Amino acid sequence: KEALSLRNAGINLPILILHPQINQYEFIVKHQLEPNIYNQRSLDAFIDLANQKKLSNYPIHIKFNTGLNRLGFEVAQVEAVFNQVNKHASVKVASVFSHLAASEDLSEKEFTQSQIQSFKKVISQCEKQLIYKPIFHLLNTSGVINYNEAQFDMVRIGIGLYGFGNDDKITAQLKLVGVLKSKISQIHHLKAGDSVGYNRAYFAKADLTTATIPIGHADGISRQLGNGKGYVYINNQKAFIVGNVCMDMLMVNVTNIDCAEGDVVLVFKNQQHIEDLAQIQGSIPYELLTAISQRVDRIIS
């Protein structure tokens, strides 16, 4: 769906589908997308389809497992994989890649170096067998920071594009790609003893002013941030969540904040805010940033 959205928006650049399923291959070819081929079953199936459709040099990407043990051919299979590819003019290897398991953790440097060496063996064998040179790529954001000698032809920046590195020093040098904004829908003035939200999860210990914000867990805001744990920014002041995070709304304490209905709310203000919220819910910024659902408007400026 993401790839189709890009195609429909007029993006004609190559698009790599990182984890395609065999039943999606027809769709992939129809929209000129490029599949990651990661095991014998997927290779056989795509070559069969490419031959049936009489395709020529259709770009595929071959992934090898060097230690993450998630997706990819084993390094011992490299010769057989390229032997098979060489027999079929219907496909052409656009790139060969792998993925690091612990590039952000320098205590795992020995393991990461072993992955890099394994990938170099893959490259060496590939160069012996293919009569053309595909792109080689291995590094993610943390890999670029810690192992820039292994950049090869291309790198895959993920969390770095959002403005995060693998420590505070690196993150401080990056620019946050965007903020998450909402607005105050309604303000309530409560008395001591009044409750807020489902299951009366919060009781006011004193008179309290709350603001209702139209964003909730269906938008990607974790329920773990409820009841005084998470916070938003209103007029540059922290407003802590009271009660549970609802599906479409959350309520915050604005007793000591000068604000009005319609005022802007910063749900994600900056990197430090996102880091704090991630820590509160026992997670990482990746999860918070990618959890924001498609019903939240993206405004590009």
Protein backbone atom coordinates (compact mmCIF):
# COMPACT_ATOMS: atom_id res chain seq x y z
CA LYS A 1 0.00 0.00 0.00
CA GLU A 2 2.82 2.41 0.80
CA ALA A 3 4.50 1.65 -2.52
CA LEU A 4 1.25 2.12 -4.44
CA SER A 5 0.72 5.48 -2.72
CA LEU A 6 4.14 6.56 -3.96
CA ARG A 7 3.45 5.36 -7.49
CA ASN A 8 0.07 7.13 -7.50
CA ALA A 9 1.84 10.30 -6.38
CA GLY A 10 4.01 10.17 -9.49
CA ILE A 11 7.15 8.70 -7.90
CA ASN A 12 8.88 6.70 -10.63
CA LEU A 13 12.11 5.92 -8.80
CA PRO A 14 12.95 2.29 -7.90
CA ILE A 15 11.04 1.08 -4.84
CA LEU A 16 12.41 -1.90 -2.91
CA ILE A 17 9.79 -4.08 -1.19
CA LEU A 18 11.66 -5.43 1.82
CA HIS A 19 9.38 -8.28 2.90
CA PRO A 20 7.13 -9.30 0.01
CA GLN A 21 4.91 -12.35 0.06
CA ILE A 22 4.70 -14.65 -2.95
CA ASN A 23 1.02 -13.84 -3.49
CA GLN A 24 2.04 -10.19 -3.96
CA TYR A 25 4.43 -10.81 -6.85
CA GLU A 26 1.83 -10.08 -9.54
CA PHE A 27 1.11 -6.73 -7.88
CA ILE A 28 4.83 -6.01 -7.59
CA VAL A 29 5.43 -6.57 -11.29
CA LYS A 30 2.29 -4.65 -12.30
CA HIS A 31 3.51 -1.54 -10.49
CA GLN A 32 7.20 -1.98 -11.36
CA LEU A 33 8.28 -2.53 -7.77
CA GLU A 34 11.43 -4.44 -6.85
CA PRO A 35 11.22 -7.43 -4.48
CA ASN A 36 13.63 -8.56 -1.81
CA ILE A 37 14.32 -12.23 -2.49
CA TYR A 38 15.36 -13.89 0.75
CA ASN A 39 15.00 -17.69 0.44
CA GLN A 40 14.82 -20.49 -2.11
CA ARG A 41 11.04 -20.54 -2.17
CA SER A 42 10.78 -16.84 -2.96
CA LEU A 43 13.53 -17.04 -5.59
CA ASP A 44 11.91 -19.98 -7.38
CA ALA A 45 8.49 -18.34 -7.32
CA PHE A 46 9.64 -14.99 -8.67
CA ILE A 47 11.76 -16.51 -11.42
CA ASP A 48 8.79 -18.68 -12.47
CA LEU A 49 6.57 -15.60 -12.68
CA ALA A 50 9.19 -13.58 -14.54
CA ASN A 51 9.65 -16.38 -17.07
CA GLN A 52 5.89 -16.79 -17.55
CA LYS A 53 5.54 -13.08 -18.24
CA LYS A 54 8.58 -13.13 -20.52
CA LEU A 55 10.22 -10.36 -18.52
CA SER A 56 13.78 -9.29 -19.24
CA ASN A 57 16.31 -8.27 -16.59
CA TYR A 58 13.60 -7.54 -14.02
CA PRO A 59 15.38 -6.04 -10.96
CA ILE A 60 15.46 -8.17 -7.83
CA HIS A 61 17.34 -7.69 -4.57
CA ILE A 62 19.01 -10.62 -2.81
CA LYS A 63 19.27 -10.64 0.98
CA PHE A 64 21.74 -12.75 2.96
CA ASN A 65 21.52 -13.61 6.64
CA THR A 66 24.81 -12.73 8.33
CA GLY A 67 23.63 -13.03 11.92
CA LEU A 68 20.30 -11.28 12.53
CA ASN A 69 18.52 -14.58 11.79
CA ARG A 70 15.37 -12.91 10.53
CA LEU A 71 15.32 -13.00 6.73
CA GLY A 72 17.88 -13.98 4.13
CA PHE A 73 19.72 -16.80 2.38
CA GLU A 74 22.53 -18.33 4.41
CA VAL A 75 26.02 -17.24 3.37
CA ALA A 76 26.79 -20.86 2.42
CA GLN A 77 24.10 -20.62 -0.28
CA VAL A 78 25.66 -17.70 -2.11
CA GLU A 79 27.18 -19.71 -4.99
CA ALA A 80 23.98 -21.65 -5.63
CA VAL A 81 21.85 -18.50 -5.56
CA PHE A 82 23.89 -16.69 -8.18
CA ASN A 83 24.22 -19.83 -10.30
CA GLN A 84 20.44 -19.97 -10.46
CA VAL A 85 20.06 -16.27 -11.23
CA ASN A 86 22.61 -16.52 -14.05
CA LYS A 87 20.46 -19.13 -15.79
CA HIS A 88 17.50 -16.78 -16.23
CA ALA A 89 17.62 -13.64 -18.35
CA SER A 90 14.21 -12.71 -16.96
CA VAL A 91 15.76 -11.35 -13.76
CA LYS A 92 18.77 -9.26 -12.84
CA VAL A 93 20.24 -8.64 -9.40
CA ALA A 94 19.88 -4.93 -8.65
CA SER A 95 21.41 -5.19 -5.20
CA VAL A 96 22.79 -7.60 -2.62
CA PHE A 97 22.37 -6.76 1.04
CA SER A 98 22.23 -7.85 4.65
CA HIS A 99 21.24 -6.25 7.96
CA LEU A 100 23.18 -5.72 11.18
CA ALA A 101 21.83 -7.08 14.45
CA ALA A 102 23.48 -4.81 17.04
CA SER A 103 25.20 -1.91 15.29
CA GLU A 104 24.08 0.51 18.02
CA ASP A 105 25.75 -1.52 20.80
CA LEU A 106 29.53 -1.14 20.89
CA SER A 107 29.79 -3.99 23.39
CA GLU A 108 28.75 -6.18 20.43
CA LYS A 109 31.48 -4.81 18.17
CA GLU A 110 33.11 -8.21 17.66
CA PHE A 111 29.81 -9.71 16.50
CA THR A 112 29.09 -6.78 14.18
CA GLN A 113 32.56 -7.06 12.66
CA SER A 114 31.89 -10.75 12.04
CA GLN A 115 28.73 -9.78 10.16
CA ILE A 116 30.66 -7.29 8.07
CA GLN A 117 33.27 -9.93 7.21
CA SER A 118 30.56 -12.42 6.27
CA PHE A 119 29.00 -9.84 3.97
CA LYS A 120 32.37 -9.17 2.36
CA LYS A 121 32.56 -12.89 1.55
CA VAL A 122 29.15 -12.63 -0.12
CA ILE A 123 30.37 -9.66 -2.16
CA SER A 124 33.52 -11.50 -3.22
CA GLN A 125 31.58 -14.52 -4.44
CA CYS A 126 29.01 -12.34 -6.17
CA GLU A 127 31.71 -10.47 -8.07
CA LYS A 128 33.15 -13.80 -9.24
CA GLN A 129 29.84 -15.07 -10.57
CA LEU A 130 27.91 -12.12 -11.95
CA ILE A 131 29.06 -10.44 -15.15
CA TYR A 132 27.61 -7.14 -13.93
CA LYS A 133 27.98 -5.27 -10.64
CA PRO A 134 24.94 -4.92 -8.40
CA ILE A 135 24.70 -2.40 -5.55
CA PHE A 136 25.96 -3.66 -2.18
CA HIS A 137 24.48 -2.30 1.05
CA LEU A 138 24.57 -3.26 4.72
CA LEU A 139 24.42 -0.32 7.13
CA ASN A 140 21.49 1.17 9.00
CA THR A 141 21.62 4.48 10.91
CA SER A 142 23.70 3.12 13.79
CA GLY A 143 25.91 1.29 11.33
CA VAL A 144 26.73 4.53 9.52
CA ILE A 145 27.62 6.15 12.85
CA ASN A 146 29.75 3.32 14.23
CA TYR A 147 31.02 1.40 11.18
CA ASN A 148 31.27 3.92 8.36
CA GLU A 149 34.10 1.90 6.81
CA ALA A 150 31.41 -0.61 5.73
CA GLN A 151 29.22 1.77 3.73
CA PHE A 152 29.88 -0.03 0.41
CA ASP A 153 27.65 1.44 -2.35
CA MET A 154 24.61 2.56 -0.39
CA VAL A 155 23.26 2.84 3.16
CA ARG A 156 19.75 2.43 4.54
CA ILE A 157 19.04 5.31 6.91
CA GLY A 158 15.89 4.57 8.92
CA ILE A 159 15.50 6.28 12.28
CA GLY A 160 18.15 8.81 11.21
CA LEU A 161 15.70 10.24 8.68
CA TYR A 162 13.36 11.05 11.56
CA GLY A 163 16.12 12.90 13.40
CA PHE A 164 17.42 10.31 15.86
CA GLY A 165 20.84 8.75 16.31
CA ASN A 166 21.94 6.00 18.66
CA ASP A 167 22.83 8.36 21.52
CA ASP A 168 21.97 11.85 22.75
CA LYS A 169 25.13 13.39 21.28
CA ILE A 170 24.35 12.19 17.76
CA THR A 171 20.64 12.99 18.06
CA ALA A 172 21.51 16.57 19.06
CA GLN A 173 23.25 17.00 15.69
CA LEU A 174 20.18 15.90 13.75
CA LYS A 175 17.03 17.82 12.88
CA LEU A 176 13.67 16.35 13.83
CA VAL A 177 11.72 15.62 10.66
CA GLY A 178 8.42 16.86 12.07
CA VAL A 179 6.17 17.39 15.06
CA LEU A 180 2.83 15.85 15.99
CA LYS A 181 0.20 18.51 16.60
CA SER A 182 -3.40 18.52 17.74
CA LYS A 183 -5.68 21.10 19.37
CA ILE A 184 -7.87 21.58 22.40
CA SER A 185 -11.45 20.52 21.66
CA GLN A 186 -12.99 21.34 25.03
CA ILE A 187 -12.03 22.60 28.48
CA HIS A 188 -13.70 21.26 31.65
CA HIS A 189 -13.65 22.74 35.15
CA LEU A 190 -13.90 19.92 37.68
CA LYS A 191 -14.43 19.85 41.43
CA ALA A 192 -12.45 17.79 43.92
CA GLY A 193 -13.72 14.23 43.79
CA ASP A 194 -14.84 14.39 40.14
CA SER A 195 -13.54 11.59 37.94
CA VAL A 196 -12.05 11.68 34.45
CA GLY A 197 -12.37 9.16 31.65
CA TYR A 198 -13.39 5.54 31.27
CA ASN A 199 -13.65 3.42 34.41
CA ARG A 200 -13.28 6.66 36.38
CA ALA A 201 -9.55 6.06 36.16
CA TYR A 202 -8.60 9.43 37.67
CA PHE A 203 -10.16 11.30 40.61
CA ALA A 204 -9.42 14.98 41.15
CA LYS A 205 -7.80 15.56 44.54
CA ALA A 206 -8.59 19.28 44.24
CA ASP A 207 -10.42 21.55 41.82
CA LEU A 208 -9.05 20.79 38.37
CA THR A 209 -9.16 22.13 34.83
CA THR A 210 -8.78 19.63 31.99
CA ALA A 211 -8.46 19.93 28.24
CA THR A 212 -9.73 17.25 25.87
CA ILE A 213 -7.47 16.57 22.88
CA PRO A 214 -8.77 14.74 19.76
CA ILE A 215 -6.04 12.09 19.54
CA GLY A 216 -5.93 8.64 21.12
CA HIS A 217 -4.69 5.08 20.91
CA ALA A 218 -6.29 4.55 17.49
CA ASP A 219 -3.94 7.29 16.30
CA GLY A 220 -0.92 5.59 17.85
CA ILE A 221 -0.79 7.12 21.35
CA SER A 222 -0.12 4.33 23.83
CA ARG A 223 -2.51 3.72 26.71
CA GLN A 224 0.59 3.26 28.86
CA LEU A 225 0.96 7.05 28.83
CA GLY A 226 -2.30 7.55 30.73
CA ASN A 227 -2.91 8.68 34.30
CA GLY A 228 -0.16 11.20 34.82
CA LYS A 229 2.64 9.36 33.04
CA GLY A 230 2.73 10.95 29.61
CA TYR A 231 2.45 14.61 28.76
CA VAL A 232 1.90 17.03 25.90
CA TYR A 233 2.94 20.66 25.48
CA ILE A 234 0.40 23.49 25.50
CA ASN A 235 1.71 27.04 25.16
CA ASN A 236 5.20 25.70 25.91
CA GLN A 237 4.15 24.11 29.20
CA LYS A 238 3.86 20.44 30.09
CA ALA A 239 0.29 19.18 30.47
CA PHE A 240 0.11 15.69 31.95
CA ILE A 241 -2.47 13.15 30.81
CA VAL A 242 -5.26 12.45 33.30
CA GLY A 243 -7.38 9.32 33.09
CA ASN A 244 -6.88 6.66 30.45
CA VAL A 245 -5.92 7.39 26.86
CA CYS A 246 -9.15 6.80 24.94
CA MET A 247 -9.45 5.48 21.40
CA ASP A 248 -9.93 8.93 19.84
CA MET A 249 -9.17 11.34 22.69
CA LEU A 250 -7.07 12.04 25.72
CA MET A 251 -7.48 14.51 28.57
CA VAL A 252 -4.73 16.59 30.15
CA ASN A 253 -4.38 18.71 33.27
CA VAL A 254 -4.27 22.42 32.34
CA THR A 255 -5.08 23.83 35.79
CA ASN A 256 -2.01 26.08 35.79
CA ILE A 257 -1.78 26.66 32.04
CA ASP A 258 -3.25 29.72 30.31
CA CYS A 259 -5.04 28.16 27.34
CA ALA A 260 -8.31 28.14 25.42
CA GLU A 261 -10.33 25.82 23.22
CA GLY A 262 -8.72 25.67 19.79
CA ASP A 263 -5.17 26.20 21.06
CA VAL A 264 -2.42 24.11 19.49
CA VAL A 265 -1.19 21.04 21.37
CA LEU A 266 2.22 19.50 20.72
CA VAL A 267 1.86 15.76 21.22
CA PHE A 268 5.45 15.24 20.00
CA LYS A 269 7.41 18.47 20.44
CA ASN A 270 11.06 17.52 19.95
CA GLN A 271 13.50 14.64 20.20
CA GLN A 272 13.78 14.86 23.99
CA HIS A 273 10.00 14.79 24.36
CA ILE A 274 9.76 11.68 22.18
CA GLU A 275 12.64 10.02 24.06
CA ASP A 276 10.89 10.74 27.37
CA LEU A 277 7.57 9.30 26.21
CA ALA A 278 9.32 6.22 24.85
CA GLN A 279 11.07 5.64 28.16
CA ILE A 280 7.82 6.12 30.10
CA GLN A 281 6.10 3.38 28.11
CA GLY A 282 9.13 1.10 28.13
CA SER A 283 9.76 1.45 24.43
CA ILE A 284 11.99 3.22 21.90
CA PRO A 285 11.42 6.26 19.64
CA TYR A 286 11.11 3.94 16.60
CA GLU A 287 7.87 2.50 17.99
CA LEU A 288 6.31 5.87 18.82
CA LEU A 289 7.15 7.39 15.45
CA THR A 290 6.02 4.47 13.33
CA ALA A 291 2.89 3.81 15.40
CA ILE A 292 1.18 7.01 14.26
CA SER A 293 -1.73 5.76 12.19
CA GLN A 294 -2.67 6.73 8.65
CA ARG A 295 -5.74 8.64 9.79
CA VAL A 296 -3.42 11.33 11.17
CA ASP A 297 -2.90 13.94 8.45
CA ARG A 298 0.64 14.43 7.18
CA ILE A 299 1.30 18.06 6.25
CA ILE A 300 4.53 18.64 4.34
CA SER A 301 5.96 22.14 4.34
